[in-house]
Amino acid sequence: MKAEDIRTKTLDQLNEELENLCKEAFNLRFQRVSGQLENTARVRAVRRDIARIKTILGEKTAQASV
């Protein structure tokens, strides 16, 4: 997911996307522990997407409070 795509979304959409990614990260952790994880690169991609969304959420909320 690109930062440009994330910036075009509303706060509600970003919070929903963040929730979905957190659930996916949780499921990926379980798959890794149980040995069922096939695409190990997905864990890293999900973590980075979560970080991108949190960063942009912080920017938008700071901008809204100014």
C-alpha atoms as a PDB file:
ATOM      1  CA  MET A   1       0.000   0.000   0.000  1.00  0.00           C
ATOM      2  CA  LYS A   2       1.399   3.361  -1.005  1.00  0.00           C
ATOM      3  CA  ALA A   3       1.366   6.437   1.198  1.00  0.00           C
ATOM      4  CA  GLU A   4      -0.365   8.379  -1.581  1.00  0.00           C
ATOM      5  CA  ASP A   5      -3.272   5.942  -1.489  1.00  0.00           C
ATOM      6  CA  ILE A   6      -3.508   6.200   2.283  1.00  0.00           C
ATOM      7  CA  ARG A   7      -3.521  10.013   2.288  1.00  0.00           C
ATOM      8  CA  THR A   8      -6.617  10.129   0.067  1.00  0.00           C
ATOM      9  CA  LYS A   9      -8.712   8.174   2.582  1.00  0.00           C
ATOM     10  CA  THR A  10     -10.820   9.656   5.375  1.00  0.00           C
ATOM     11  CA  LEU A  11     -10.129   9.133   9.069  1.00  0.00           C
ATOM     12  CA  ASP A  12     -12.917   6.549   9.315  1.00  0.00           C
ATOM     13  CA  GLN A  13     -11.536   4.600   6.379  1.00  0.00           C
ATOM     14  CA  LEU A  14      -8.037   4.712   7.856  1.00  0.00           C
ATOM     15  CA  ASN A  15      -9.239   3.457  11.231  1.00  0.00           C
ATOM     16  CA  GLU A  16     -11.114   0.617   9.535  1.00  0.00           C
ATOM     17  CA  GLU A  17      -8.067  -0.299   7.447  1.00  0.00           C
ATOM     18  CA  LEU A  18      -5.866  -0.184  10.548  1.00  0.00           C
ATOM     19  CA  GLU A  19      -8.213  -2.536  12.374  1.00  0.00           C
ATOM     20  CA  ASN A  20      -8.195  -4.991   9.459  1.00  0.00           C
ATOM     21  CA  LEU A  21      -4.403  -4.935   9.237  1.00  0.00           C
ATOM     22  CA  CYS A  22      -4.025  -5.501  12.972  1.00  0.00           C
ATOM     23  CA  LYS A  23      -6.293  -8.539  12.724  1.00  0.00           C
ATOM     24  CA  GLU A  24      -4.281  -9.816   9.777  1.00  0.00           C
ATOM     25  CA  ALA A  25      -1.024  -9.326  11.682  1.00  0.00           C
ATOM     26  CA  PHE A  26      -2.481 -11.272  14.603  1.00  0.00           C
ATOM     27  CA  ASN A  27      -3.482 -14.145  12.302  1.00  0.00           C
ATOM     28  CA  LEU A  28      -0.077 -14.127  10.609  1.00  0.00           C
ATOM     29  CA  ARG A  29       1.653 -14.415  13.985  1.00  0.00           C
ATOM     30  CA  PHE A  30      -0.431 -17.466  14.805  1.00  0.00           C
ATOM     31  CA  GLN A  31       0.344 -19.011  11.426  1.00  0.00           C
ATOM     32  CA  ARG A  32       4.067 -18.411  11.924  1.00  0.00           C
ATOM     33  CA  VAL A  33       4.064 -20.064  15.353  1.00  0.00           C
ATOM     34  CA  SER A  34       2.109 -23.073  14.152  1.00  0.00           C
ATOM     35  CA  GLY A  35       4.307 -23.473  11.068  1.00  0.00           C
ATOM     36  CA  GLN A  36       1.526 -22.786   8.559  1.00  0.00           C
ATOM     37  CA  LEU A  37       2.833 -19.455   7.268  1.00  0.00           C
ATOM     38  CA  GLU A  38       3.762 -19.733   3.598  1.00  0.00           C
ATOM     39  CA  ASN A  39       4.398 -16.097   2.662  1.00  0.00           C
ATOM     40  CA  THR A  40       6.774 -14.805   5.320  1.00  0.00           C
ATOM     41  CA  ALA A  41       7.230 -11.475   3.529  1.00  0.00           C
ATOM     42  CA  ARG A  42       3.576 -10.650   4.185  1.00  0.00           C
ATOM     43  CA  VAL A  43       4.325 -10.193   7.908  1.00  0.00           C
ATOM     44  CA  ARG A  44       6.790  -7.423   7.134  1.00  0.00           C
ATOM     45  CA  ALA A  45       4.480  -5.778   4.605  1.00  0.00           C
ATOM     46  CA  VAL A  46       1.568  -5.730   7.060  1.00  0.00           C
ATOM     47  CA  ARG A  47       3.715  -4.243   9.820  1.00  0.00           C
ATOM     48  CA  ARG A  48       4.926  -1.501   7.501  1.00  0.00           C
ATOM     49  CA  ASP A  49       1.387  -0.760   6.286  1.00  0.00           C
ATOM     50  CA  ILE A  50       0.262  -0.436   9.906  1.00  0.00           C
ATOM     51  CA  ALA A  51       3.108   1.996  10.566  1.00  0.00           C
ATOM     52  CA  ARG A  52       2.238   4.046   7.470  1.00  0.00           C
ATOM     53  CA  ILE A  53      -1.404   4.310   8.472  1.00  0.00           C
ATOM     54  CA  LYS A  54      -0.555   5.266  12.062  1.00  0.00           C
ATOM     55  CA  THR A  55       1.857   7.940  10.823  1.00  0.00           C
ATOM     56  CA  ILE A  56      -0.679   9.472   8.461  1.00  0.00           C
ATOM     57  CA  LEU A  57      -3.422   9.269  11.090  1.00  0.00           C
ATOM     58  CA  GLY A  58      -1.164  11.212  13.434  1.00  0.00           C
ATOM     59  CA  GLU A  59      -0.466  13.799  10.771  1.00  0.00           C
ATOM     60  CA  LYS A  60      -4.152  14.242   9.975  1.00  0.00           C
ATOM     61  CA  THR A  61      -5.216  14.543  13.605  1.00  0.00           C
ATOM     62  CA  ALA A  62      -2.424  17.032  14.324  1.00  0.00           C
ATOM     63  CA  GLN A  63      -3.416  19.039  11.278  1.00  0.00           C
ATOM     64  CA  ALA A  64      -7.065  19.012  12.332  1.00  0.00           C
ATOM     65  CA  SER A  65      -6.253  20.301  15.825  1.00  0.00           C
ATOM     66  CA  VAL A  66      -4.259  23.280  14.540  1.00  0.00           C
END
